Amino acid sequence: MKQPLLASSIFIALAACTHSQETKSPEPSGNFVSITEIDPTIAVEARYHGEHNFLGTRVRGYNAPKCLLTRPAAQALANVQAELRPMGLTLKVYDCYRPQRAVDHFVEWAKDVNDLKMKSEFYPQVDKSNLFRDGYIAEKSGHTRGSTVDLTIDGLDFGTEFDLFDPRSNTADPRPNASQRANRALLKAVMDKHGFKGIKTEWWHFTLRDEPFPKTYFDFSVE
Protein backbone atom coordinates (compact mmCIF):
# COMPACT_ATOMS: atom_id res chain seq x y z
CA MET A 1 0.00 0.00 0.00
CA LYS A 2 1.38 3.39 -0.86
CA GLN A 3 1.87 5.94 1.88
CA PRO A 4 0.86 9.45 0.69
CA LEU A 5 1.95 12.47 2.68
CA LEU A 6 -1.57 13.53 3.62
CA ALA A 7 -3.25 10.18 4.09
CA SER A 8 -0.38 8.02 5.19
CA SER A 9 -2.51 8.15 8.24
CA ILE A 10 -5.17 5.65 7.95
CA PHE A 11 -6.23 2.22 7.27
CA ILE A 12 -3.09 0.23 6.88
CA ALA A 13 -5.16 -2.49 8.49
CA LEU A 14 -6.85 -2.81 5.17
CA ALA A 15 -3.73 -2.53 3.11
CA ALA A 16 -0.52 -3.85 4.65
CA CYS A 17 2.39 -4.65 2.36
CA THR A 18 2.24 -6.52 -0.91
CA HIS A 19 5.02 -9.11 -1.13
CA SER A 20 6.73 -10.42 -4.23
CA GLN A 21 5.71 -13.93 -3.21
CA GLU A 22 1.98 -14.07 -2.65
CA THR A 23 -0.26 -17.07 -2.08
CA LYS A 24 -3.95 -17.57 -1.52
CA SER A 25 -4.41 -20.68 0.52
CA PRO A 26 -6.98 -22.66 2.47
CA GLU A 27 -6.61 -22.80 6.22
CA PRO A 28 -3.56 -24.84 7.24
CA SER A 29 -5.04 -27.55 9.43
CA GLY A 30 -4.54 -26.88 13.13
CA ASN A 31 -2.65 -23.62 12.70
CA PHE A 32 -5.57 -21.22 13.31
CA VAL A 33 -7.64 -20.97 16.47
CA SER A 34 -10.45 -18.83 17.87
CA ILE A 35 -9.02 -16.48 20.49
CA THR A 36 -11.76 -17.44 22.97
CA GLU A 37 -10.49 -21.04 22.88
CA ILE A 38 -7.14 -19.78 24.15
CA ASP A 39 -8.48 -17.11 26.54
CA PRO A 40 -12.26 -16.80 26.94
CA THR A 41 -11.85 -13.58 28.97
CA ILE A 42 -10.85 -11.58 25.87
CA ALA A 43 -13.91 -9.73 24.56
CA VAL A 44 -14.78 -10.08 20.88
CA GLU A 45 -16.74 -7.42 19.00
CA ALA A 46 -16.49 -8.72 15.46
CA ARG A 47 -17.25 -5.50 13.60
CA TYR A 48 -17.16 -6.97 10.09
CA HIS A 49 -19.63 -9.72 11.00
CA GLY A 50 -22.23 -7.05 11.76
CA GLU A 51 -23.26 -3.74 10.26
CA HIS A 52 -21.38 -1.33 12.54
CA ASN A 53 -18.42 -0.77 10.23
CA PHE A 54 -17.43 1.59 7.45
CA LEU A 55 -19.35 -0.43 4.84
CA GLY A 56 -22.52 -0.52 6.92
CA THR A 57 -23.10 -4.20 6.17
CA ARG A 58 -21.72 -7.64 7.01
CA VAL A 59 -18.48 -8.18 5.13
CA ARG A 60 -18.03 -11.15 2.83
CA GLY A 61 -16.34 -14.12 4.47
CA TYR A 62 -17.36 -13.31 8.05
CA ASN A 63 -19.85 -16.10 8.69
CA ALA A 64 -19.40 -16.10 12.48
CA PRO A 65 -18.56 -13.39 15.06
CA LYS A 66 -15.17 -14.88 15.85
CA CYS A 67 -11.58 -13.73 16.14
CA LEU A 68 -9.39 -16.30 14.38
CA LEU A 69 -5.61 -16.05 14.67
CA THR A 70 -2.60 -18.23 14.11
CA ARG A 71 -1.79 -20.15 17.28
CA PRO A 72 1.38 -18.15 18.05
CA ALA A 73 -0.50 -14.85 17.70
CA ALA A 74 -3.39 -16.10 19.83
CA GLN A 75 -1.06 -17.27 22.59
CA ALA A 76 0.85 -13.98 22.54
CA LEU A 77 -2.45 -12.09 22.83
CA ALA A 78 -3.42 -14.25 25.79
CA ASN A 79 -0.12 -13.23 27.41
CA VAL A 80 -1.09 -9.58 26.95
CA GLN A 81 -4.44 -10.26 28.57
CA ALA A 82 -2.73 -11.98 31.51
CA GLU A 83 -0.69 -8.84 32.14
CA LEU A 84 -3.71 -6.55 31.96
CA ARG A 85 -6.01 -8.67 34.11
CA PRO A 86 -4.43 -7.74 37.49
CA MET A 87 -5.00 -4.07 36.56
CA GLY A 88 -8.72 -4.77 36.22
CA LEU A 89 -8.45 -4.34 32.43
CA THR A 90 -9.38 -6.54 29.48
CA LEU A 91 -8.68 -6.59 25.77
CA LYS A 92 -11.46 -6.27 23.23
CA VAL A 93 -10.75 -7.33 19.64
CA TYR A 94 -12.50 -5.86 16.61
CA ASP A 95 -10.86 -7.81 13.78
CA CYS A 96 -8.30 -10.58 13.51
CA TYR A 97 -7.82 -12.89 10.53
CA ARG A 98 -9.47 -11.34 7.47
CA PRO A 99 -10.27 -13.50 4.40
CA GLN A 100 -9.05 -12.24 1.05
CA ARG A 101 -12.67 -12.22 -0.12
CA ALA A 102 -13.36 -9.63 2.60
CA VAL A 103 -10.54 -7.44 1.32
CA ASP A 104 -12.04 -7.79 -2.16
CA HIS A 105 -15.36 -6.64 -0.69
CA PHE A 106 -13.65 -3.54 0.71
CA VAL A 107 -12.26 -2.77 -2.75
CA GLU A 108 -15.68 -3.18 -4.38
CA TRP A 109 -17.24 -0.89 -1.76
CA ALA A 110 -14.59 1.77 -2.29
CA LYS A 111 -15.30 1.83 -6.03
CA ASP A 112 -18.96 2.63 -5.38
CA VAL A 113 -18.54 6.33 -4.68
CA ASN A 114 -22.29 6.82 -4.24
CA ASP A 115 -22.48 4.60 -1.15
CA LEU A 116 -21.88 7.14 1.63
CA LYS A 117 -24.18 5.91 4.38
CA MET A 118 -21.37 5.47 6.94
CA LYS A 119 -19.37 8.56 5.95
CA SER A 120 -20.32 10.73 8.92
CA GLU A 121 -19.00 8.19 11.43
CA PHE A 122 -16.00 6.61 9.74
CA TYR A 123 -14.61 9.03 7.12
CA PRO A 124 -16.17 12.47 7.63
CA GLN A 125 -13.15 14.35 6.26
CA VAL A 126 -12.32 11.97 3.40
CA ASP A 127 -13.58 12.13 -0.18
CA LYS A 128 -14.49 8.53 -0.96
CA SER A 129 -13.38 8.93 -4.57
CA ASN A 130 -9.81 9.38 -3.27
CA LEU A 131 -9.62 6.24 -1.12
CA PHE A 132 -7.35 4.37 -3.51
CA ARG A 133 -5.26 7.39 -4.47
CA ASP A 134 -4.70 8.30 -0.84
CA GLY A 135 -3.91 4.75 0.22
CA TYR A 136 -6.83 4.11 2.53
CA ILE A 137 -7.90 0.96 0.64
CA ALA A 138 -5.68 -1.56 -1.14
CA GLU A 139 -5.96 -5.04 -2.57
CA LYS A 140 -3.92 -6.80 0.15
CA SER A 141 -4.05 -6.76 3.94
CA GLY A 142 -1.70 -8.05 6.59
CA HIS A 143 -4.78 -9.35 8.41
CA THR A 144 -5.12 -11.99 5.70
CA ARG A 145 -1.89 -13.61 6.90
CA GLY A 146 -3.56 -14.45 10.20
CA SER A 147 -1.32 -12.79 12.80
CA THR A 148 -2.62 -9.22 12.80
CA VAL A 149 -5.25 -7.93 15.19
CA ASP A 150 -7.26 -4.72 15.63
CA LEU A 151 -8.09 -4.19 19.28
CA THR A 152 -8.57 -1.89 22.25
CA ILE A 153 -8.53 -2.04 26.02
CA ASP A 154 -12.21 -2.23 26.85
CA GLY A 155 -13.63 0.79 28.62
CA LEU A 156 -10.67 3.09 28.02
CA ASP A 157 -10.83 6.23 25.88
CA PHE A 158 -8.32 6.30 23.03
CA GLY A 159 -9.37 9.58 21.50
CA THR A 160 -10.97 8.12 18.36
CA GLU A 161 -13.14 5.17 17.55
CA PHE A 162 -11.84 2.08 15.77
CA ASP A 163 -11.57 2.47 11.97
CA LEU A 164 -11.81 6.26 11.90
CA PHE A 165 -10.18 7.35 8.62
CA ASP A 166 -8.46 10.44 9.98
CA PRO A 167 -4.97 11.58 11.08
CA ARG A 168 -6.31 11.66 14.64
CA SER A 169 -6.08 7.86 14.55
CA ASN A 170 -2.29 8.09 14.32
CA THR A 171 -0.79 6.42 17.38
CA ALA A 172 1.24 9.50 18.33
CA ASP A 173 -1.18 12.19 17.15
CA PRO A 174 -0.88 15.10 19.63
CA ARG A 175 -4.55 16.08 19.66
CA PRO A 176 -5.90 13.45 22.10
CA ASN A 177 -5.82 14.59 25.71
CA ALA A 178 -3.27 13.36 28.25
CA SER A 179 -5.42 10.46 29.43
CA GLN A 180 -6.12 9.30 25.90
CA ARG A 181 -2.43 9.48 24.98
CA ALA A 182 -1.58 7.49 28.10
CA ASN A 183 -4.08 4.80 27.11
CA ARG A 184 -2.50 4.53 23.66
CA ALA A 185 0.93 4.30 25.25
CA LEU A 186 -0.22 1.54 27.61
CA LEU A 187 -1.68 -0.53 24.79
CA LYS A 188 1.44 -0.10 22.67
CA ALA A 189 3.78 -0.95 25.54
CA VAL A 190 2.03 -4.15 26.58
CA MET A 191 1.63 -5.33 22.98
CA ASP A 192 5.29 -4.59 22.24
CA LYS A 193 6.35 -6.50 25.34
CA HIS A 194 4.57 -9.63 24.16
CA GLY A 195 5.86 -9.72 20.62
CA PHE A 196 3.59 -7.46 18.59
CA LYS A 197 4.57 -4.44 16.52
CA GLY A 198 2.22 -1.55 15.96
CA ILE A 199 2.02 0.97 13.15
CA LYS A 200 2.17 4.76 13.25
CA THR A 201 -1.13 5.31 11.51
CA GLU A 202 -3.60 3.24 13.57
CA TRP A 203 -3.42 3.01 17.36
CA TRP A 204 -5.48 -0.23 17.30
CA HIS A 205 -3.44 -2.27 14.76
CA PHE A 206 -0.74 -4.80 15.74
CA THR A 207 1.07 -7.68 14.01
CA LEU A 208 3.02 -10.49 15.61
CA ARG A 209 6.69 -9.83 14.85
CA ASP A 210 7.46 -13.49 14.19
CA GLU A 211 4.30 -14.24 12.25
CA PRO A 212 4.33 -17.81 10.90
CA PHE A 213 2.92 -17.00 7.43
CA PRO A 214 4.56 -13.71 6.39
CA LYS A 215 3.92 -14.19 2.67
CA THR A 216 0.71 -16.20 2.60
CA TYR A 217 -2.70 -14.59 2.12
CA PHE A 218 -5.51 -16.92 3.17
CA ASP A 219 -9.08 -16.98 1.89
CA PHE A 220 -11.04 -19.40 4.05
CA SER A 221 -14.17 -17.97 5.67
CA VAL A 222 -14.49 -17.19 9.36
CA GLU A 223 -16.79 -19.96 10.60
C-alpha atoms as a PDB file:
ATOM      1  CA  MET A   1       0.000   0.000   0.000  1.00  0.00           C
ATOM      2  CA  LYS A   2       1.376   3.391  -0.863  1.00  0.00           C
ATOM      3  CA  GLN A   3       1.865   5.938   1.883  1.00  0.00           C
ATOM      4  CA  PRO A   4       0.861   9.453   0.688  1.00  0.00           C
ATOM      5  CA  LEU A   5       1.948  12.475   2.684  1.00  0.00           C
ATOM      6  CA  LEU A   6      -1.569  13.527   3.617  1.00  0.00           C
ATOM      7  CA  ALA A   7      -3.253  10.176   4.089  1.00  0.00           C
ATOM      8  CA  SER A   8      -0.383   8.025   5.191  1.00  0.00           C
ATOM      9  CA  SER A   9      -2.506   8.149   8.242  1.00  0.00           C
ATOM     10  CA  ILE A  10      -5.167   5.646   7.952  1.00  0.00           C
ATOM     11  CA  PHE A  11      -6.225   2.224   7.270  1.00  0.00           C
ATOM     12  CA  ILE A  12      -3.091   0.231   6.878  1.00  0.00           C
ATOM     13  CA  ALA A  13      -5.159  -2.493   8.492  1.00  0.00           C
ATOM     14  CA  LEU A  14      -6.854  -2.808   5.166  1.00  0.00           C
ATOM     15  CA  ALA A  15      -3.735  -2.534   3.111  1.00  0.00           C
ATOM     16  CA  ALA A  16      -0.517  -3.850   4.650  1.00  0.00           C
ATOM     17  CA  CYS A  17       2.391  -4.647   2.359  1.00  0.00           C
ATOM     18  CA  THR A  18       2.238  -6.521  -0.910  1.00  0.00           C
ATOM     19  CA  HIS A  19       5.016  -9.109  -1.133  1.00  0.00           C
ATOM     20  CA  SER A  20       6.726 -10.422  -4.232  1.00  0.00           C
ATOM     21  CA  GLN A  21       5.708 -13.932  -3.213  1.00  0.00           C
ATOM     22  CA  GLU A  22       1.984 -14.068  -2.651  1.00  0.00           C
ATOM     23  CA  THR A  23      -0.257 -17.069  -2.078  1.00  0.00           C
ATOM     24  CA  LYS A  24      -3.951 -17.567  -1.515  1.00  0.00           C
ATOM     25  CA  SER A  25      -4.410 -20.680   0.523  1.00  0.00           C
ATOM     26  CA  PRO A  26      -6.982 -22.655   2.472  1.00  0.00           C
ATOM     27  CA  GLU A  27      -6.614 -22.802   6.224  1.00  0.00           C
ATOM     28  CA  PRO A  28      -3.556 -24.843   7.238  1.00  0.00           C
ATOM     29  CA  SER A  29      -5.043 -27.552   9.431  1.00  0.00           C
ATOM     30  CA  GLY A  30      -4.544 -26.877  13.125  1.00  0.00           C
ATOM     31  CA  ASN A  31      -2.653 -23.619  12.699  1.00  0.00           C
ATOM     32  CA  PHE A  32      -5.572 -21.220  13.310  1.00  0.00           C
ATOM     33  CA  VAL A  33      -7.644 -20.970  16.473  1.00  0.00           C
ATOM     34  CA  SER A  34     -10.450 -18.830  17.865  1.00  0.00           C
ATOM     35  CA  ILE A  35      -9.025 -16.483  20.489  1.00  0.00           C
ATOM     36  CA  THR A  36     -11.755 -17.445  22.965  1.00  0.00           C
ATOM     37  CA  GLU A  37     -10.491 -21.044  22.882  1.00  0.00           C
ATOM     38  CA  ILE A  38      -7.136 -19.775  24.151  1.00  0.00           C
ATOM     39  CA  ASP A  39      -8.482 -17.114  26.536  1.00  0.00           C
ATOM     40  CA  PRO A  40     -12.260 -16.800  26.944  1.00  0.00           C
ATOM     41  CA  THR A  41     -11.847 -13.578  28.967  1.00  0.00           C
ATOM     42  CA  ILE A  42     -10.852 -11.578  25.866  1.00  0.00           C
ATOM     43  CA  ALA A  43     -13.906  -9.727  24.562  1.00  0.00           C
ATOM     44  CA  VAL A  44     -14.778 -10.085  20.878  1.00  0.00           C
ATOM     45  CA  GLU A  45     -16.745  -7.422  19.003  1.00  0.00           C
ATOM     46  CA  ALA A  46     -16.491  -8.724  15.456  1.00  0.00           C
ATOM     47  CA  ARG A  47     -17.248  -5.501  13.601  1.00  0.00           C
ATOM     48  CA  TYR A  48     -17.159  -6.972  10.093  1.00  0.00           C
ATOM     49  CA  HIS A  49     -19.629  -9.718  10.997  1.00  0.00           C
ATOM     50  CA  GLY A  50     -22.227  -7.055  11.762  1.00  0.00           C
ATOM     51  CA  GLU A  51     -23.256  -3.737  10.256  1.00  0.00           C
ATOM     52  CA  HIS A  52     -21.381  -1.326  12.541  1.00  0.00           C
ATOM     53  CA  ASN A  53     -18.424  -0.767  10.231  1.00  0.00           C
ATOM     54  CA  PHE A  54     -17.430   1.594   7.448  1.00  0.00           C
ATOM     55  CA  LEU A  55     -19.349  -0.435   4.844  1.00  0.00           C
ATOM     56  CA  GLY A  56     -22.518  -0.519   6.921  1.00  0.00           C
ATOM     57  CA  THR A  57     -23.102  -4.198   6.175  1.00  0.00           C
ATOM     58  CA  ARG A  58     -21.723  -7.640   7.008  1.00  0.00           C
ATOM     59  CA  VAL A  59     -18.483  -8.181   5.134  1.00  0.00           C
ATOM     60  CA  ARG A  60     -18.029 -11.146   2.828  1.00  0.00           C
ATOM     61  CA  GLY A  61     -16.343 -14.121   4.471  1.00  0.00           C
ATOM     62  CA  TYR A  62     -17.360 -13.309   8.045  1.00  0.00           C
ATOM     63  CA  ASN A  63     -19.853 -16.099   8.693  1.00  0.00           C
ATOM     64  CA  ALA A  64     -19.395 -16.096  12.477  1.00  0.00           C
ATOM     65  CA  PRO A  65     -18.565 -13.394  15.057  1.00  0.00           C
ATOM     66  CA  LYS A  66     -15.170 -14.876  15.848  1.00  0.00           C
ATOM     67  CA  CYS A  67     -11.579 -13.730  16.140  1.00  0.00           C
ATOM     68  CA  LEU A  68      -9.389 -16.302  14.380  1.00  0.00           C
ATOM     69  CA  LEU A  69      -5.610 -16.048  14.666  1.00  0.00           C
ATOM     70  CA  THR A  70      -2.596 -18.228  14.114  1.00  0.00           C
ATOM     71  CA  ARG A  71      -1.792 -20.149  17.275  1.00  0.00           C
ATOM     72  CA  PRO A  72       1.376 -18.154  18.048  1.00  0.00           C
ATOM     73  CA  ALA A  73      -0.502 -14.855  17.697  1.00  0.00           C
ATOM     74  CA  ALA A  74      -3.391 -16.099  19.833  1.00  0.00           C
ATOM     75  CA  GLN A  75      -1.057 -17.267  22.595  1.00  0.00           C
ATOM     76  CA  ALA A  76       0.849 -13.977  22.538  1.00  0.00           C
ATOM     77  CA  LEU A  77      -2.445 -12.093  22.833  1.00  0.00           C
ATOM     78  CA  ALA A  78      -3.418 -14.252  25.793  1.00  0.00           C
ATOM     79  CA  ASN A  79      -0.121 -13.232  27.413  1.00  0.00           C
ATOM     80  CA  VAL A  80      -1.090  -9.585  26.946  1.00  0.00           C
ATOM     81  CA  GLN A  81      -4.439 -10.264  28.571  1.00  0.00           C
ATOM     82  CA  ALA A  82      -2.735 -11.978  31.510  1.00  0.00           C
ATOM     83  CA  GLU A  83      -0.693  -8.842  32.140  1.00  0.00           C
ATOM     84  CA  LEU A  84      -3.712  -6.550  31.956  1.00  0.00           C
ATOM     85  CA  ARG A  85      -6.006  -8.666  34.113  1.00  0.00           C
ATOM     86  CA  PRO A  86      -4.428  -7.737  37.495  1.00  0.00           C
ATOM     87  CA  MET A  87      -5.000  -4.069  36.560  1.00  0.00           C
ATOM     88  CA  GLY A  88      -8.716  -4.768  36.216  1.00  0.00           C
ATOM     89  CA  LEU A  89      -8.454  -4.345  32.430  1.00  0.00           C
ATOM     90  CA  THR A  90      -9.383  -6.538  29.478  1.00  0.00           C
ATOM     91  CA  LEU A  91      -8.679  -6.591  25.773  1.00  0.00           C
ATOM     92  CA  LYS A  92     -11.462  -6.266  23.226  1.00  0.00           C
ATOM     93  CA  VAL A  93     -10.753  -7.329  19.641  1.00  0.00           C
ATOM     94  CA  TYR A  94     -12.497  -5.860  16.605  1.00  0.00           C
ATOM     95  CA  ASP A  95     -10.863  -7.813  13.782  1.00  0.00           C
ATOM     96  CA  CYS A  96      -8.299 -10.581  13.510  1.00  0.00           C
ATOM     97  CA  TYR A  97      -7.816 -12.891  10.530  1.00  0.00           C
ATOM     98  CA  ARG A  98      -9.473 -11.344   7.471  1.00  0.00           C
ATOM     99  CA  PRO A  99     -10.271 -13.500   4.404  1.00  0.00           C
ATOM    100  CA  GLN A 100      -9.050 -12.239   1.046  1.00  0.00           C
ATOM    101  CA  ARG A 101     -12.670 -12.222  -0.116  1.00  0.00           C
ATOM    102  CA  ALA A 102     -13.357  -9.634   2.603  1.00  0.00           C
ATOM    103  CA  VAL A 103     -10.537  -7.436   1.315  1.00  0.00           C
ATOM    104  CA  ASP A 104     -12.037  -7.786  -2.163  1.00  0.00           C
ATOM    105  CA  HIS A 105     -15.362  -6.644  -0.686  1.00  0.00           C
ATOM    106  CA  PHE A 106     -13.646  -3.538   0.713  1.00  0.00           C
ATOM    107  CA  VAL A 107     -12.258  -2.771  -2.755  1.00  0.00           C
ATOM    108  CA  GLU A 108     -15.681  -3.178  -4.382  1.00  0.00           C
ATOM    109  CA  TRP A 109     -17.241  -0.890  -1.760  1.00  0.00           C
ATOM    110  CA  ALA A 110     -14.586   1.769  -2.292  1.00  0.00           C
ATOM    111  CA  LYS A 111     -15.296   1.828  -6.029  1.00  0.00           C
ATOM    112  CA  ASP A 112     -18.964   2.631  -5.378  1.00  0.00           C
ATOM    113  CA  VAL A 113     -18.543   6.334  -4.684  1.00  0.00           C
ATOM    114  CA  ASN A 114     -22.286   6.817  -4.245  1.00  0.00           C
ATOM    115  CA  ASP A 115     -22.484   4.602  -1.148  1.00  0.00           C
ATOM    116  CA  LEU A 116     -21.878   7.139   1.627  1.00  0.00           C
ATOM    117  CA  LYS A 117     -24.178   5.908   4.375  1.00  0.00           C
ATOM    118  CA  MET A 118     -21.371   5.475   6.936  1.00  0.00           C
ATOM    119  CA  LYS A 119     -19.367   8.558   5.951  1.00  0.00           C
ATOM    120  CA  SER A 120     -20.323  10.731   8.917  1.00  0.00           C
ATOM    121  CA  GLU A 121     -19.002   8.190  11.430  1.00  0.00           C
ATOM    122  CA  PHE A 122     -15.995   6.615   9.743  1.00  0.00           C
ATOM    123  CA  TYR A 123     -14.612   9.026   7.124  1.00  0.00           C
ATOM    124  CA  PRO A 124     -16.172  12.468   7.632  1.00  0.00           C
ATOM    125  CA  GLN A 125     -13.149  14.347   6.263  1.00  0.00           C
ATOM    126  CA  VAL A 126     -12.321  11.971   3.398  1.00  0.00           C
ATOM    127  CA  ASP A 127     -13.583  12.133  -0.178  1.00  0.00           C
ATOM    128  CA  LYS A 128     -14.492   8.532  -0.958  1.00  0.00           C
ATOM    129  CA  SER A 129     -13.385   8.932  -4.570  1.00  0.00           C
ATOM    130  CA  ASN A 130      -9.813   9.376  -3.270  1.00  0.00           C
ATOM    131  CA  LEU A 131      -9.617   6.245  -1.115  1.00  0.00           C
ATOM    132  CA  PHE A 132      -7.345   4.365  -3.512  1.00  0.00           C
ATOM    133  CA  ARG A 133      -5.262   7.390  -4.471  1.00  0.00           C
ATOM    134  CA  ASP A 134      -4.700   8.305  -0.842  1.00  0.00           C
ATOM    135  CA  GLY A 135      -3.907   4.749   0.222  1.00  0.00           C
ATOM    136  CA  TYR A 136      -6.834   4.109   2.532  1.00  0.00           C
ATOM    137  CA  ILE A 137      -7.902   0.964   0.640  1.00  0.00           C
ATOM    138  CA  ALA A 138      -5.677  -1.558  -1.135  1.00  0.00           C
ATOM    139  CA  GLU A 139      -5.957  -5.036  -2.565  1.00  0.00           C
ATOM    140  CA  LYS A 140      -3.920  -6.805   0.150  1.00  0.00           C
ATOM    141  CA  SER A 141      -4.047  -6.759   3.940  1.00  0.00           C
ATOM    142  CA  GLY A 142      -1.697  -8.046   6.594  1.00  0.00           C
ATOM    143  CA  HIS A 143      -4.780  -9.353   8.410  1.00  0.00           C
ATOM    144  CA  THR A 144      -5.125 -11.993   5.704  1.00  0.00           C
ATOM    145  CA  ARG A 145      -1.887 -13.611   6.897  1.00  0.00           C
ATOM    146  CA  GLY A 146      -3.562 -14.449  10.201  1.00  0.00           C
ATOM    147  CA  SER A 147      -1.324 -12.794  12.802  1.00  0.00           C
ATOM    148  CA  THR A 148      -2.625  -9.225  12.796  1.00  0.00           C
ATOM    149  CA  VAL A 149      -5.254  -7.930  15.193  1.00  0.00           C
ATOM    150  CA  ASP A 150      -7.257  -4.716  15.628  1.00  0.00           C
ATOM    151  CA  LEU A 151      -8.086  -4.191  19.279  1.00  0.00           C
ATOM    152  CA  THR A 152      -8.565  -1.891  22.247  1.00  0.00           C
ATOM    153  CA  ILE A 153      -8.532  -2.044  26.019  1.00  0.00           C
ATOM    154  CA  ASP A 154     -12.210  -2.231  26.848  1.00  0.00           C
ATOM    155  CA  GLY A 155     -13.633   0.791  28.624  1.00  0.00           C
ATOM    156  CA  LEU A 156     -10.667   3.089  28.025  1.00  0.00           C
ATOM    157  CA  ASP A 157     -10.834   6.227  25.883  1.00  0.00           C
ATOM    158  CA  PHE A 158      -8.318   6.296  23.031  1.00  0.00           C
ATOM    159  CA  GLY A 159      -9.367   9.579  21.501  1.00  0.00           C
ATOM    160  CA  THR A 160     -10.971   8.119  18.360  1.00  0.00           C
ATOM    161  CA  GLU A 161     -13.143   5.174  17.546  1.00  0.00           C
ATOM    162  CA  PHE A 162     -11.844   2.082  15.768  1.00  0.00           C
ATOM    163  CA  ASP A 163     -11.572   2.469  11.975  1.00  0.00           C
ATOM    164  CA  LEU A 164     -11.811   6.259  11.896  1.00  0.00           C
ATOM    165  CA  PHE A 165     -10.179   7.350   8.617  1.00  0.00           C
ATOM    166  CA  ASP A 166      -8.458  10.437   9.978  1.00  0.00           C
ATOM    167  CA  PRO A 167      -4.973  11.576  11.080  1.00  0.00           C
ATOM    168  CA  ARG A 168      -6.312  11.657  14.644  1.00  0.00           C
ATOM    169  CA  SER A 169      -6.076   7.859  14.549  1.00  0.00           C
ATOM    170  CA  ASN A 170      -2.287   8.094  14.316  1.00  0.00           C
ATOM    171  CA  THR A 171      -0.786   6.419  17.377  1.00  0.00           C
ATOM    172  CA  ALA A 172       1.238   9.496  18.333  1.00  0.00           C
ATOM    173  CA  ASP A 173      -1.179  12.191  17.149  1.00  0.00           C
ATOM    174  CA  PRO A 174      -0.882  15.101  19.633  1.00  0.00           C
ATOM    175  CA  ARG A 175      -4.550  16.079  19.658  1.00  0.00           C
ATOM    176  CA  PRO A 176      -5.899  13.446  22.098  1.00  0.00           C
ATOM    177  CA  ASN A 177      -5.819  14.589  25.711  1.00  0.00           C
ATOM    178  CA  ALA A 178      -3.272  13.362  28.251  1.00  0.00           C
ATOM    179  CA  SER A 179      -5.416  10.462  29.425  1.00  0.00           C
ATOM    180  CA  GLN A 180      -6.125   9.295  25.896  1.00  0.00           C
ATOM    181  CA  ARG A 181      -2.431   9.478  24.975  1.00  0.00           C
ATOM    182  CA  ALA A 182      -1.584   7.485  28.105  1.00  0.00           C
ATOM    183  CA  ASN A 183      -4.075   4.799  27.112  1.00  0.00           C
ATOM    184  CA  ARG A 184      -2.499   4.534  23.664  1.00  0.00           C
ATOM    185  CA  ALA A 185       0.932   4.295  25.250  1.00  0.00           C
ATOM    186  CA  LEU A 186      -0.225   1.543  27.610  1.00  0.00           C
ATOM    187  CA  LEU A 187      -1.676  -0.530  24.788  1.00  0.00           C
ATOM    188  CA  LYS A 188       1.440  -0.100  22.666  1.00  0.00           C
ATOM    189  CA  ALA A 189       3.776  -0.948  25.539  1.00  0.00           C
ATOM    190  CA  VAL A 190       2.027  -4.145  26.577  1.00  0.00           C
ATOM    191  CA  MET A 191       1.626  -5.331  22.981  1.00  0.00           C
ATOM    192  CA  ASP A 192       5.294  -4.589  22.242  1.00  0.00           C
ATOM    193  CA  LYS A 193       6.346  -6.504  25.344  1.00  0.00           C
ATOM    194  CA  HIS A 194       4.569  -9.634  24.164  1.00  0.00           C
ATOM    195  CA  GLY A 195       5.859  -9.721  20.619  1.00  0.00           C
ATOM    196  CA  PHE A 196       3.593  -7.461  18.587  1.00  0.00           C
ATOM    197  CA  LYS A 197       4.569  -4.441  16.522  1.00  0.00           C
ATOM    198  CA  GLY A 198       2.219  -1.548  15.958  1.00  0.00           C
ATOM    199  CA  ILE A 199       2.022   0.974  13.149  1.00  0.00           C
ATOM    200  CA  LYS A 200       2.172   4.757  13.249  1.00  0.00           C
ATOM    201  CA  THR A 201      -1.132   5.307  11.512  1.00  0.00           C
ATOM    202  CA  GLU A 202      -3.602   3.242  13.571  1.00  0.00           C
ATOM    203  CA  TRP A 203      -3.421   3.005  17.356  1.00  0.00           C
ATOM    204  CA  TRP A 204      -5.482  -0.234  17.303  1.00  0.00           C
ATOM    205  CA  HIS A 205      -3.439  -2.266  14.760  1.00  0.00           C
ATOM    206  CA  PHE A 206      -0.743  -4.799  15.743  1.00  0.00           C
ATOM    207  CA  THR A 207       1.066  -7.679  14.006  1.00  0.00           C
ATOM    208  CA  LEU A 208       3.024 -10.495  15.606  1.00  0.00           C
ATOM    209  CA  ARG A 209       6.692  -9.827  14.846  1.00  0.00           C
ATOM    210  CA  ASP A 210       7.463 -13.487  14.195  1.00  0.00           C
ATOM    211  CA  GLU A 211       4.299 -14.236  12.252  1.00  0.00           C
ATOM    212  CA  PRO A 212       4.330 -17.807  10.902  1.00  0.00           C
ATOM    213  CA  PHE A 213       2.918 -16.997   7.431  1.00  0.00           C
ATOM    214  CA  PRO A 214       4.561 -13.707   6.393  1.00  0.00           C
ATOM    215  CA  LYS A 215       3.923 -14.188   2.674  1.00  0.00           C
ATOM    216  CA  THR A 216       0.712 -16.201   2.599  1.00  0.00           C
ATOM    217  CA  TYR A 217      -2.699 -14.595   2.120  1.00  0.00           C
ATOM    218  CA  PHE A 218      -5.515 -16.922   3.172  1.00  0.00           C
ATOM    219  CA  ASP A 219      -9.076 -16.983   1.887  1.00  0.00           C
ATOM    220  CA  PHE A 220     -11.039 -19.399   4.053  1.00  0.00           C
ATOM    221  CA  SER A 221     -14.174 -17.973   5.674  1.00  0.00           C
ATOM    222  CA  VAL A 222     -14.494 -17.190   9.359  1.00  0.00           C
ATOM    223  CA  GLU A 223     -16.786 -19.959  10.602  1.00  0.00           C
END
